[in-house]
Amino acid sequence: MDEPYDLKSSLLTSKANELTIGFAGFVKPGQAGEPDVEGVVKVSAFCRPNGSGYLTLTFVVDHETDAAGDLGGTTEGALREHLGSNFDMLIDIPLDEFAAPSPYRIKEMDVYFHKLRGQERKLAEGGVFPALSQLLGLQFEPLHVWTAGANNPRQFLGPVPGAP
């Protein structure tokens, strides 16, 4: 292998194949006189042919309001306790290192599941958001579901049983 592995190109290629589910605002209440951290999270999904896959949560926070320097961290073990046996693994990616300087802090979490297809929205709203609320102290607004339109031909493809 003569060519060096291009991590940035690989990351961008994988992101191009994710389908956006929706967006939600969130707040992390400040502690000890620090201001609240407010931001938005984009939820996307990638399903493999066997039905497994991952949810990507892309958090965007204004640097000026992010007094703590980041959103805090969680571990695979802590998520497993909240998400159960369907949870596979967590990859926590600080995207600021891949981008030009910006007034925003961008952090991404890929949450892998053994069975994802058809449960994407349910797992985001009913599993990952509540887990991150307990583990990181985040308060999420309801997920604003992304639907197909003229400017967005790609959409969340799996129906969620029992969802509105």
Foldseek 3Di string as FASTA:
>chain_A
DPDDDDPLVVVVVVVVQWAWFFKWKKWFCDPPPQHIWIWMWTWTWDADPVQKTWIKIKTKTFQVNPVVRDLDDDAQVLLCVQADDQWDHKDKAFCVVVDDDDRITIIMMITIGPHDAQCPLVCVVVTVVVSCCVVRVMDIDDTDTDDDDPVRNGHRDHHHPPDD
